[in-house]
Amino acid sequence: MTQNDDPFLDAIAAALAPAGINGPLMNAGALTGGCIHATARITTGDGGSLFLKSNGAVHAPMLAAEASGLALLAAADGPRIPRVLGHGTAHGRAWLALEYMQLHGRGDAAAFGRDLARMHACRGEVFGLDHDNWIGTTPQPNTQHEDWVAFWRECRLGHQLELAAADGHTDIAERGRRLAERLKDFFDGHRPMPSLLHGDLWAGNQAYDAHGRGIVFDPAAYFGDREADLAMTELFGGLPDTFWSGYREAWPLDPGYPVRRDLYNLYHVLNHAHLFGGGYVGQSARMIERLLTEVGAA
């Protein structure tokens, strides 16, 4: 996206006019942090700013799913969510315009924990979602199920094992299928409700605003076990103890979470193995073996 990208920005300005966004739009500079879409801060005609994601038109469904996920999370009165201003295609490119936020690395982590628990208390009728979306650049099926174990077996673990087999990781696929046969053993006494989940809640998709309130963005939203969200917060960096104290104050965890945490994070590690290969392949294999040991199936 360049400064003289006027036709593209003019088309976006026309699309956003009904939302009260005044043109012309001007590119104020590319932003870092994203690895899929181009991102930029855009200034508006009245001196305001918005956050713009763009990519080739083939990625329009991905950006539309992100907009839908953000709107779903925003309705839950949990962490702060960037407001969706609009999305569409113009001049062969897909775009998503969001409220511009100054992100901060530190804030009230305990309050963020309580906010996340309140979001998780937003309950669906079934597990999954009425449409599919993406986890990174991998399609994420959300076929609705009344049974959580069946959903996880088919739409999460099973889906990733199919990708592993297609990638040539036959040992991982075979051992993973053995694990899938024993999934019920991980849920003795744990009966999750369909909680509204962010779906991709690692440290890179969470920050704080200028007032210290927690923000989440870049969702892969669906309804599932709240522990799946909590597990991912521990996969790549983790959140401070004050977050956990705030969350547990609002909604204590069930016994057995540490083992289920590894089961849920296997989905994301398998996805990283599919997308990036390398050490994630071996990590996936080791996680499967540890989980099989937990249920006496190694």
C-alpha atoms as a PDB file:
ATOM      1  CA  MET A   1       0.000   0.000   0.000  1.00  0.00           C
ATOM      2  CA  THR A   2       1.571   3.265  -1.100  1.00  0.00           C
ATOM      3  CA  GLN A   3       0.894   6.943  -0.597  1.00  0.00           C
ATOM      4  CA  ASN A   4      -0.442   7.360  -4.147  1.00  0.00           C
ATOM      5  CA  ASP A   5      -2.863   4.419  -3.871  1.00  0.00           C
ATOM      6  CA  ASP A   6      -5.745   6.851  -4.405  1.00  0.00           C
ATOM      7  CA  PRO A   7      -8.226   4.730  -6.416  1.00  0.00           C
ATOM      8  CA  PHE A   8      -8.187   1.978  -3.784  1.00  0.00           C
ATOM      9  CA  LEU A   9      -8.529   4.391  -0.867  1.00  0.00           C
ATOM     10  CA  ASP A  10     -11.143   6.444  -2.672  1.00  0.00           C
ATOM     11  CA  ALA A  11     -13.256   3.324  -3.164  1.00  0.00           C
ATOM     12  CA  ILE A  12     -12.925   2.481   0.526  1.00  0.00           C
ATOM     13  CA  ALA A  13     -13.854   6.038   1.483  1.00  0.00           C
ATOM     14  CA  ALA A  14     -17.031   5.792  -0.597  1.00  0.00           C
ATOM     15  CA  ALA A  15     -17.915   2.469   1.055  1.00  0.00           C
ATOM     16  CA  LEU A  16     -17.322   3.875   4.554  1.00  0.00           C
ATOM     17  CA  ALA A  17     -19.197   7.149   4.062  1.00  0.00           C
ATOM     18  CA  PRO A  18     -22.509   5.710   5.361  1.00  0.00           C
ATOM     19  CA  ALA A  19     -20.659   4.779   8.579  1.00  0.00           C
ATOM     20  CA  GLY A  20     -19.724   8.432   9.090  1.00  0.00           C
ATOM     21  CA  ILE A  21     -16.102   8.125   7.910  1.00  0.00           C
ATOM     22  CA  ASN A  22     -15.118  11.315   6.124  1.00  0.00           C
ATOM     23  CA  GLY A  23     -12.814  11.223   3.107  1.00  0.00           C
ATOM     24  CA  PRO A  24     -10.428  11.620   1.573  1.00  0.00           C
ATOM     25  CA  LEU A  25      -8.408   8.785   3.062  1.00  0.00           C
ATOM     26  CA  MET A  26      -4.634   9.060   3.133  1.00  0.00           C
ATOM     27  CA  ASN A  27      -2.065   6.386   3.927  1.00  0.00           C
ATOM     28  CA  ALA A  28      -0.162   7.438   7.051  1.00  0.00           C
ATOM     29  CA  GLY A  29       2.246   4.500   6.890  1.00  0.00           C
ATOM     30  CA  ALA A  30       2.504   0.735   7.021  1.00  0.00           C
ATOM     31  CA  LEU A  31       2.252  -0.987  10.403  1.00  0.00           C
ATOM     32  CA  THR A  32       4.179  -4.018  11.590  1.00  0.00           C
ATOM     33  CA  GLY A  33       2.949  -7.122  13.349  1.00  0.00           C
ATOM     34  CA  GLY A  34       0.790  -8.862  10.745  1.00  0.00           C
ATOM     35  CA  CYS A  35       2.108 -11.821   8.745  1.00  0.00           C
ATOM     36  CA  ILE A  36      -0.832 -12.463   6.397  1.00  0.00           C
ATOM     37  CA  HIS A  37      -2.277  -9.110   5.320  1.00  0.00           C
ATOM     38  CA  ALA A  38      -0.777  -5.686   4.657  1.00  0.00           C
ATOM     39  CA  THR A  39      -1.667  -3.281   7.464  1.00  0.00           C
ATOM     40  CA  ALA A  40      -1.607   0.503   7.608  1.00  0.00           C
ATOM     41  CA  ARG A  41      -2.838   3.472   9.585  1.00  0.00           C
ATOM     42  CA  ILE A  42      -5.110   5.574   7.418  1.00  0.00           C
ATOM     43  CA  THR A  43      -5.995   9.187   8.166  1.00  0.00           C
ATOM     44  CA  THR A  44      -9.490  10.451   7.448  1.00  0.00           C
ATOM     45  CA  GLY A  45     -10.711  13.772   6.137  1.00  0.00           C
ATOM     46  CA  ASP A  46     -11.527  15.066   9.608  1.00  0.00           C
ATOM     47  CA  GLY A  47      -8.103  14.234  11.039  1.00  0.00           C
ATOM     48  CA  GLY A  48      -9.045  10.894  12.546  1.00  0.00           C
ATOM     49  CA  SER A  49      -7.451   7.526  11.918  1.00  0.00           C
ATOM     50  CA  LEU A  50      -8.513   4.000  11.061  1.00  0.00           C
ATOM     51  CA  PHE A  51      -6.703   0.684  10.825  1.00  0.00           C
ATOM     52  CA  LEU A  52      -6.747  -0.968   7.403  1.00  0.00           C
ATOM     53  CA  LYS A  53      -5.961  -4.532   6.420  1.00  0.00           C
ATOM     54  CA  SER A  54      -5.691  -5.401   2.742  1.00  0.00           C
ATOM     55  CA  ASN A  55      -4.756  -8.334   0.553  1.00  0.00           C
ATOM     56  CA  GLY A  56      -5.582  -9.854  -2.803  1.00  0.00           C
ATOM     57  CA  ALA A  57      -9.272 -10.215  -3.586  1.00  0.00           C
ATOM     58  CA  VAL A  58      -9.034 -13.984  -3.069  1.00  0.00           C
ATOM     59  CA  HIS A  59      -8.647 -13.244   0.656  1.00  0.00           C
ATOM     60  CA  ALA A  60     -11.976 -11.395   0.915  1.00  0.00           C
ATOM     61  CA  PRO A  61     -13.712 -14.341   2.663  1.00  0.00           C
ATOM     62  CA  MET A  62     -10.931 -14.428   5.271  1.00  0.00           C
ATOM     63  CA  LEU A  63     -11.330 -10.721   6.066  1.00  0.00           C
ATOM     64  CA  ALA A  64     -15.128 -11.051   6.088  1.00  0.00           C
ATOM     65  CA  ALA A  65     -14.840 -13.907   8.611  1.00  0.00           C
ATOM     66  CA  GLU A  66     -12.562 -11.753  10.755  1.00  0.00           C
ATOM     67  CA  ALA A  67     -15.119  -8.941  10.689  1.00  0.00           C
ATOM     68  CA  SER A  68     -17.850 -11.383  11.700  1.00  0.00           C
ATOM     69  CA  GLY A  69     -15.729 -12.742  14.556  1.00  0.00           C
ATOM     70  CA  LEU A  70     -14.949  -9.263  15.872  1.00  0.00           C
ATOM     71  CA  ALA A  71     -18.620  -8.301  15.797  1.00  0.00           C
ATOM     72  CA  LEU A  72     -19.528 -11.486  17.656  1.00  0.00           C
ATOM     73  CA  LEU A  73     -16.954 -10.826  20.371  1.00  0.00           C
ATOM     74  CA  ALA A  74     -17.929  -7.171  20.664  1.00  0.00           C
ATOM     75  CA  ALA A  75     -21.499  -8.150  21.538  1.00  0.00           C
ATOM     76  CA  ALA A  76     -20.329 -10.154  24.561  1.00  0.00           C
ATOM     77  CA  ASP A  77     -19.326  -7.249  26.835  1.00  0.00           C
ATOM     78  CA  GLY A  78     -15.919  -8.756  27.537  1.00  0.00           C
ATOM     79  CA  PRO A  79     -12.483  -7.369  26.599  1.00  0.00           C
ATOM     80  CA  ARG A  80     -12.381  -4.324  24.357  1.00  0.00           C
ATOM     81  CA  ILE A  81     -12.731  -5.197  20.655  1.00  0.00           C
ATOM     82  CA  PRO A  82     -11.770  -2.977  17.708  1.00  0.00           C
ATOM     83  CA  ARG A  83     -14.954  -1.689  16.077  1.00  0.00           C
ATOM     84  CA  VAL A  84     -15.525  -2.947  12.547  1.00  0.00           C
ATOM     85  CA  LEU A  85     -16.045  -0.004  10.185  1.00  0.00           C
ATOM     86  CA  GLY A  86     -16.479  -1.989   6.990  1.00  0.00           C
ATOM     87  CA  HIS A  87     -14.996  -4.542   4.621  1.00  0.00           C
ATOM     88  CA  GLY A  88     -15.183  -5.388   0.950  1.00  0.00           C
ATOM     89  CA  THR A  89     -13.222  -5.508  -2.290  1.00  0.00           C
ATOM     90  CA  ALA A  90     -12.005  -2.738  -4.585  1.00  0.00           C
ATOM     91  CA  HIS A  91      -9.626  -2.676  -7.544  1.00  0.00           C
ATOM     92  CA  GLY A  92      -8.857  -6.365  -7.204  1.00  0.00           C
ATOM     93  CA  ARG A  93      -8.030  -6.153  -3.499  1.00  0.00           C
ATOM     94  CA  ALA A  94      -9.858  -7.121  -0.325  1.00  0.00           C
ATOM     95  CA  TRP A  95      -9.956  -4.772   2.650  1.00  0.00           C
ATOM     96  CA  LEU A  96     -11.091  -4.569   6.253  1.00  0.00           C
ATOM     97  CA  ALA A  97     -11.310  -1.220   8.068  1.00  0.00           C
ATOM     98  CA  LEU A  98     -11.257  -1.151  11.864  1.00  0.00           C
ATOM     99  CA  GLU A  99     -11.191   1.389  14.638  1.00  0.00           C
ATOM    100  CA  TYR A 100      -7.606   2.555  15.133  1.00  0.00           C
ATOM    101  CA  MET A 101      -6.215   1.831  18.599  1.00  0.00           C
ATOM    102  CA  GLN A 102      -2.932   2.672  20.248  1.00  0.00           C
ATOM    103  CA  LEU A 103      -1.816  -0.651  21.712  1.00  0.00           C
ATOM    104  CA  HIS A 104       0.131  -0.981  24.941  1.00  0.00           C
ATOM    105  CA  GLY A 105       1.925  -4.012  26.286  1.00  0.00           C
ATOM    106  CA  ARG A 106       0.887  -3.536  29.899  1.00  0.00           C
ATOM    107  CA  GLY A 107      -2.373  -2.828  31.650  1.00  0.00           C
ATOM    108  CA  ASP A 108      -4.792  -4.187  34.224  1.00  0.00           C
ATOM    109  CA  ALA A 109      -4.245  -7.910  33.687  1.00  0.00           C
ATOM    110  CA  ALA A 110      -6.597  -8.909  36.525  1.00  0.00           C
ATOM    111  CA  ALA A 111      -9.416  -6.894  34.957  1.00  0.00           C
ATOM    112  CA  PHE A 112      -8.611  -8.482  31.598  1.00  0.00           C
ATOM    113  CA  GLY A 113      -9.009 -11.897  33.227  1.00  0.00           C
ATOM    114  CA  ARG A 114     -12.415 -10.929  34.583  1.00  0.00           C
ATOM    115  CA  ASP A 115     -13.422  -9.467  31.201  1.00  0.00           C
ATOM    116  CA  LEU A 116     -12.407 -12.679  29.437  1.00  0.00           C
ATOM    117  CA  ALA A 117     -14.410 -14.768  31.895  1.00  0.00           C
ATOM    118  CA  ARG A 118     -17.434 -12.568  31.174  1.00  0.00           C
ATOM    119  CA  MET A 119     -16.947 -13.125  27.428  1.00  0.00           C
ATOM    120  CA  HIS A 120     -16.683 -16.875  28.004  1.00  0.00           C
ATOM    121  CA  ALA A 121     -19.968 -16.750  29.929  1.00  0.00           C
ATOM    122  CA  CYS A 122     -21.683 -15.767  26.669  1.00  0.00           C
ATOM    123  CA  ARG A 123     -23.243 -19.095  25.801  1.00  0.00           C
ATOM    124  CA  GLY A 124     -24.171 -20.620  22.452  1.00  0.00           C
ATOM    125  CA  GLU A 125     -26.763 -23.286  21.770  1.00  0.00           C
ATOM    126  CA  VAL A 126     -24.245 -25.723  20.267  1.00  0.00           C
ATOM    127  CA  PHE A 127     -20.493 -26.077  19.771  1.00  0.00           C
ATOM    128  CA  GLY A 128     -18.984 -24.580  16.629  1.00  0.00           C
ATOM    129  CA  LEU A 129     -20.380 -21.735  14.543  1.00  0.00           C
ATOM    130  CA  ASP A 130     -22.803 -21.188  11.696  1.00  0.00           C
ATOM    131  CA  HIS A 131     -19.888 -20.593   9.311  1.00  0.00           C
ATOM    132  CA  ASP A 132     -16.285 -21.687   8.923  1.00  0.00           C
ATOM    133  CA  ASN A 133     -13.319 -19.367   9.345  1.00  0.00           C
ATOM    134  CA  TRP A 134      -9.520 -19.537   9.462  1.00  0.00           C
ATOM    135  CA  ILE A 135      -6.782 -20.218  11.986  1.00  0.00           C
ATOM    136  CA  GLY A 136      -3.858 -18.328  10.488  1.00  0.00           C
ATOM    137  CA  THR A 137      -4.144 -19.195   6.800  1.00  0.00           C
ATOM    138  CA  THR A 138      -5.544 -22.662   7.493  1.00  0.00           C
ATOM    139  CA  PRO A 139      -9.284 -23.121   6.930  1.00  0.00           C
ATOM    140  CA  GLN A 140     -10.998 -23.888  10.251  1.00  0.00           C
ATOM    141  CA  PRO A 141     -14.200 -25.960  10.032  1.00  0.00           C
ATOM    142  CA  ASN A 142     -16.864 -25.059  12.588  1.00  0.00           C
ATOM    143  CA  THR A 143     -19.588 -27.599  11.788  1.00  0.00           C
ATOM    144  CA  GLN A 144     -22.017 -27.346  14.671  1.00  0.00           C
ATOM    145  CA  HIS A 145     -22.221 -30.231  17.160  1.00  0.00           C
ATOM    146  CA  GLU A 146     -24.182 -30.804  20.337  1.00  0.00           C
ATOM    147  CA  ASP A 147     -21.347 -32.929  21.731  1.00  0.00           C
ATOM    148  CA  TRP A 148     -18.047 -31.172  22.501  1.00  0.00           C
ATOM    149  CA  VAL A 149     -15.841 -34.266  22.251  1.00  0.00           C
ATOM    150  CA  ALA A 150     -17.268 -35.057  18.820  1.00  0.00           C
ATOM    151  CA  PHE A 151     -16.663 -31.470  17.714  1.00  0.00           C
ATOM    152  CA  TRP A 152     -13.053 -31.533  18.875  1.00  0.00           C
ATOM    153  CA  ARG A 153     -12.447 -34.932  17.329  1.00  0.00           C
ATOM    154  CA  GLU A 154     -13.853 -33.999  13.922  1.00  0.00           C
ATOM    155  CA  CYS A 155     -13.379 -30.252  13.485  1.00  0.00           C
ATOM    156  CA  ARG A 156     -10.157 -29.657  15.384  1.00  0.00           C
ATOM    157  CA  LEU A 157      -7.907 -32.660  16.015  1.00  0.00           C
ATOM    158  CA  GLY A 158      -9.229 -34.746  13.135  1.00  0.00           C
ATOM    159  CA  HIS A 159      -8.965 -31.864  10.677  1.00  0.00           C
ATOM    160  CA  GLN A 160      -5.333 -31.231  11.604  1.00  0.00           C
ATOM    161  CA  LEU A 161      -4.488 -34.933  11.407  1.00  0.00           C
ATOM    162  CA  GLU A 162      -5.862 -35.021   7.867  1.00  0.00           C
ATOM    163  CA  LEU A 163      -3.563 -32.125   7.003  1.00  0.00           C
ATOM    164  CA  ALA A 164      -0.624 -33.899   8.666  1.00  0.00           C
ATOM    165  CA  ALA A 165      -1.265 -37.001   6.589  1.00  0.00           C
ATOM    166  CA  ALA A 166      -1.483 -34.913   3.416  1.00  0.00           C
ATOM    167  CA  ASP A 167       1.829 -33.272   4.374  1.00  0.00           C
ATOM    168  CA  GLY A 168       3.465 -36.706   4.604  1.00  0.00           C
ATOM    169  CA  HIS A 169       3.602 -36.954   8.404  1.00  0.00           C
ATOM    170  CA  THR A 170       2.065 -40.414   8.483  1.00  0.00           C
ATOM    171  CA  ASP A 171       3.362 -41.371  11.943  1.00  0.00           C
ATOM    172  CA  ILE A 172       1.825 -38.249  13.482  1.00  0.00           C
ATOM    173  CA  ALA A 173      -1.456 -38.925  11.697  1.00  0.00           C
ATOM    174  CA  GLU A 174      -1.582 -42.556  12.836  1.00  0.00           C
ATOM    175  CA  ARG A 175      -0.686 -41.858  16.462  1.00  0.00           C
ATOM    176  CA  GLY A 176      -2.990 -38.863  16.472  1.00  0.00           C
ATOM    177  CA  ARG A 177      -5.897 -41.005  15.327  1.00  0.00           C
ATOM    178  CA  ARG A 178      -5.218 -43.347  18.226  1.00  0.00           C
ATOM    179  CA  LEU A 179      -5.416 -40.321  20.506  1.00  0.00           C
ATOM    180  CA  ALA A 180      -8.664 -39.236  18.855  1.00  0.00           C
ATOM    181  CA  GLU A 181     -10.184 -42.605  19.763  1.00  0.00           C
ATOM    182  CA  ARG A 182      -9.459 -41.924  23.438  1.00  0.00           C
ATOM    183  CA  LEU A 183     -10.656 -38.312  23.671  1.00  0.00           C
ATOM    184  CA  LYS A 184     -13.504 -39.093  26.056  1.00  0.00           C
ATOM    185  CA  ASP A 185     -10.940 -40.184  28.640  1.00  0.00           C
ATOM    186  CA  PHE A 186      -9.836 -36.540  29.005  1.00  0.00           C
ATOM    187  CA  PHE A 187     -13.332 -35.372  29.950  1.00  0.00           C
ATOM    188  CA  ASP A 188     -14.227 -37.499  32.954  1.00  0.00           C
ATOM    189  CA  GLY A 189     -16.250 -35.112  35.120  1.00  0.00           C
ATOM    190  CA  HIS A 190     -15.657 -32.121  32.810  1.00  0.00           C
ATOM    191  CA  ARG A 191     -18.758 -31.014  30.908  1.00  0.00           C
ATOM    192  CA  PRO A 192     -18.027 -27.732  29.133  1.00  0.00           C
ATOM    193  CA  MET A 193     -20.741 -25.424  27.933  1.00  0.00           C
ATOM    194  CA  PRO A 194     -20.502 -23.731  24.503  1.00  0.00           C
ATOM    195  CA  SER A 195     -18.651 -20.581  25.543  1.00  0.00           C
ATOM    196  CA  LEU A 196     -17.869 -17.793  23.112  1.00  0.00           C
ATOM    197  CA  LEU A 197     -14.165 -18.151  22.303  1.00  0.00           C
ATOM    198  CA  HIS A 198     -11.647 -15.862  20.668  1.00  0.00           C
ATOM    199  CA  GLY A 199     -10.111 -18.979  19.137  1.00  0.00           C
ATOM    200  CA  ASP A 200      -6.544 -17.711  18.566  1.00  0.00           C
ATOM    201  CA  LEU A 201      -5.764 -16.135  21.917  1.00  0.00           C
ATOM    202  CA  TRP A 202      -1.995 -15.941  22.061  1.00  0.00           C
ATOM    203  CA  ALA A 203      -0.024 -12.955  23.364  1.00  0.00           C
ATOM    204  CA  GLY A 204       0.296 -11.402  19.896  1.00  0.00           C
ATOM    205  CA  ASN A 205      -3.468 -11.019  19.643  1.00  0.00           C
ATOM    206  CA  GLN A 206      -3.921  -9.271  22.990  1.00  0.00           C
ATOM    207  CA  ALA A 207      -2.895  -5.835  24.278  1.00  0.00           C
ATOM    208  CA  TYR A 208      -4.151  -2.940  26.438  1.00  0.00           C
ATOM    209  CA  ASP A 209      -5.539   0.484  25.641  1.00  0.00           C
ATOM    210  CA  ALA A 210      -4.329   3.782  27.116  1.00  0.00           C
ATOM    211  CA  HIS A 211      -6.565   3.245  30.164  1.00  0.00           C
ATOM    212  CA  GLY A 212      -5.191  -0.233  30.865  1.00  0.00           C
ATOM    213  CA  ARG A 213      -8.223  -2.126  29.583  1.00  0.00           C
ATOM    214  CA  GLY A 214      -7.539  -5.419  27.819  1.00  0.00           C
ATOM    215  CA  ILE A 215      -8.031  -5.595  24.043  1.00  0.00           C
ATOM    216  CA  VAL A 216      -8.258  -8.702  21.849  1.00  0.00           C
ATOM    217  CA  PHE A 217      -8.199  -8.842  18.062  1.00  0.00           C
ATOM    218  CA  ASP A 218      -7.504 -11.172  15.092  1.00  0.00           C
ATOM    219  CA  PRO A 219     -10.026 -13.788  16.251  1.00  0.00           C
ATOM    220  CA  ALA A 220     -10.856 -17.260  14.948  1.00  0.00           C
ATOM    221  CA  ALA A 221     -14.096 -17.219  16.918  1.00  0.00           C
ATOM    222  CA  TYR A 222     -16.468 -20.102  17.658  1.00  0.00           C
ATOM    223  CA  PHE A 223     -18.353 -21.598  20.607  1.00  0.00           C
ATOM    224  CA  GLY A 224     -16.406 -24.183  22.593  1.00  0.00           C
ATOM    225  CA  ASP A 225     -14.794 -25.121  25.894  1.00  0.00           C
ATOM    226  CA  ARG A 226     -13.444 -21.959  27.518  1.00  0.00           C
ATOM    227  CA  GLU A 227     -10.329 -23.933  28.448  1.00  0.00           C
ATOM    228  CA  ALA A 228      -9.306 -23.980  24.785  1.00  0.00           C
ATOM    229  CA  ASP A 229      -8.877 -20.191  24.892  1.00  0.00           C
ATOM    230  CA  LEU A 230      -7.108 -20.305  28.247  1.00  0.00           C
ATOM    231  CA  ALA A 231      -4.776 -23.032  27.033  1.00  0.00           C
ATOM    232  CA  MET A 232      -3.548 -20.992  24.107  1.00  0.00           C
ATOM    233  CA  THR A 233      -2.673 -18.051  26.342  1.00  0.00           C
ATOM    234  CA  GLU A 234      -0.017 -20.368  27.795  1.00  0.00           C
ATOM    235  CA  LEU A 235       1.365 -21.684  24.503  1.00  0.00           C
ATOM    236  CA  PHE A 236       3.470 -18.767  23.261  1.00  0.00           C
ATOM    237  CA  GLY A 237       4.555 -16.660  26.216  1.00  0.00           C
ATOM    238  CA  GLY A 238       1.718 -16.682  28.694  1.00  0.00           C
ATOM    239  CA  LEU A 239      -0.033 -13.996  30.718  1.00  0.00           C
ATOM    240  CA  PRO A 240       0.890 -12.759  34.224  1.00  0.00           C
ATOM    241  CA  ASP A 241      -0.330 -14.364  37.441  1.00  0.00           C
ATOM    242  CA  THR A 242      -2.648 -11.412  38.006  1.00  0.00           C
ATOM    243  CA  PHE A 243      -4.568 -12.387  34.857  1.00  0.00           C
ATOM    244  CA  TRP A 244      -5.152 -15.858  36.262  1.00  0.00           C
ATOM    245  CA  SER A 245      -6.185 -14.553  39.668  1.00  0.00           C
ATOM    246  CA  GLY A 246      -8.697 -12.229  37.992  1.00  0.00           C
ATOM    247  CA  TYR A 247     -10.080 -14.988  35.781  1.00  0.00           C
ATOM    248  CA  ARG A 248     -10.346 -17.539  38.605  1.00  0.00           C
ATOM    249  CA  GLU A 249     -12.034 -14.947  40.808  1.00  0.00           C
ATOM    250  CA  ALA A 250     -14.756 -14.625  38.189  1.00  0.00           C
ATOM    251  CA  TRP A 251     -14.899 -18.286  37.146  1.00  0.00           C
ATOM    252  CA  PRO A 252     -12.730 -20.975  38.806  1.00  0.00           C
ATOM    253  CA  LEU A 253     -11.191 -23.665  36.610  1.00  0.00           C
ATOM    254  CA  ASP A 254     -12.284 -27.299  36.689  1.00  0.00           C
ATOM    255  CA  PRO A 255      -9.960 -30.077  37.884  1.00  0.00           C
ATOM    256  CA  GLY A 256      -7.889 -31.622  35.102  1.00  0.00           C
ATOM    257  CA  TYR A 257      -7.265 -28.403  33.193  1.00  0.00           C
ATOM    258  CA  PRO A 258      -3.448 -28.876  32.902  1.00  0.00           C
ATOM    259  CA  VAL A 259      -3.886 -32.108  30.925  1.00  0.00           C
ATOM    260  CA  ARG A 260      -6.673 -30.750  28.735  1.00  0.00           C
ATOM    261  CA  ARG A 261      -4.526 -27.647  28.150  1.00  0.00           C
ATOM    262  CA  ASP A 262      -1.997 -29.803  26.321  1.00  0.00           C
ATOM    263  CA  LEU A 263      -4.748 -31.528  24.346  1.00  0.00           C
ATOM    264  CA  TYR A 264      -6.136 -28.189  23.193  1.00  0.00           C
ATOM    265  CA  ASN A 265      -2.722 -26.745  22.390  1.00  0.00           C
ATOM    266  CA  LEU A 266      -1.916 -29.778  20.251  1.00  0.00           C
ATOM    267  CA  TYR A 267      -4.366 -28.345  17.717  1.00  0.00           C
ATOM    268  CA  HIS A 268      -2.329 -25.159  17.386  1.00  0.00           C
ATOM    269  CA  VAL A 269       1.035 -26.932  17.330  1.00  0.00           C
ATOM    270  CA  LEU A 270      -0.229 -29.258  14.599  1.00  0.00           C
ATOM    271  CA  ASN A 271      -1.406 -26.199  12.683  1.00  0.00           C
ATOM    272  CA  HIS A 272       2.031 -24.627  13.009  1.00  0.00           C
ATOM    273  CA  ALA A 273       3.576 -27.883  11.783  1.00  0.00           C
ATOM    274  CA  HIS A 274       1.296 -27.702   8.745  1.00  0.00           C
ATOM    275  CA  LEU A 275       2.058 -24.041   8.050  1.00  0.00           C
ATOM    276  CA  PHE A 276       5.749 -23.843   8.976  1.00  0.00           C
ATOM    277  CA  GLY A 277       7.110 -27.376   9.408  1.00  0.00           C
ATOM    278  CA  GLY A 278      10.464 -27.438  11.196  1.00  0.00           C
ATOM    279  CA  GLY A 279      10.526 -28.069  14.922  1.00  0.00           C
ATOM    280  CA  TYR A 280       6.738 -27.984  15.185  1.00  0.00           C
ATOM    281  CA  VAL A 281       6.591 -31.427  13.545  1.00  0.00           C
ATOM    282  CA  GLY A 282       8.665 -33.009  16.299  1.00  0.00           C
ATOM    283  CA  GLN A 283       6.827 -31.029  18.975  1.00  0.00           C
ATOM    284  CA  SER A 284       3.513 -32.359  17.658  1.00  0.00           C
ATOM    285  CA  ALA A 285       4.761 -35.945  17.809  1.00  0.00           C
ATOM    286  CA  ARG A 286       6.029 -35.518  21.367  1.00  0.00           C
ATOM    287  CA  MET A 287       2.756 -33.939  22.529  1.00  0.00           C
ATOM    288  CA  ILE A 288       0.743 -36.811  21.079  1.00  0.00           C
ATOM    289  CA  GLU A 289       2.908 -39.362  22.876  1.00  0.00           C
ATOM    290  CA  ARG A 290       2.577 -37.528  26.211  1.00  0.00           C
ATOM    291  CA  LEU A 291      -1.175 -37.347  25.833  1.00  0.00           C
ATOM    292  CA  LEU A 292      -1.409 -41.039  24.932  1.00  0.00           C
ATOM    293  CA  THR A 293       0.561 -41.785  28.090  1.00  0.00           C
ATOM    294  CA  GLU A 294      -1.966 -39.785  30.122  1.00  0.00           C
ATOM    295  CA  VAL A 295      -4.749 -42.176  29.090  1.00  0.00           C
ATOM    296  CA  GLY A 296      -2.612 -45.335  29.182  1.00  0.00           C
ATOM    297  CA  ALA A 297      -2.598 -45.752  25.413  1.00  0.00           C
ATOM    298  CA  ALA A 298       1.074 -45.138  24.596  1.00  0.00           C
END
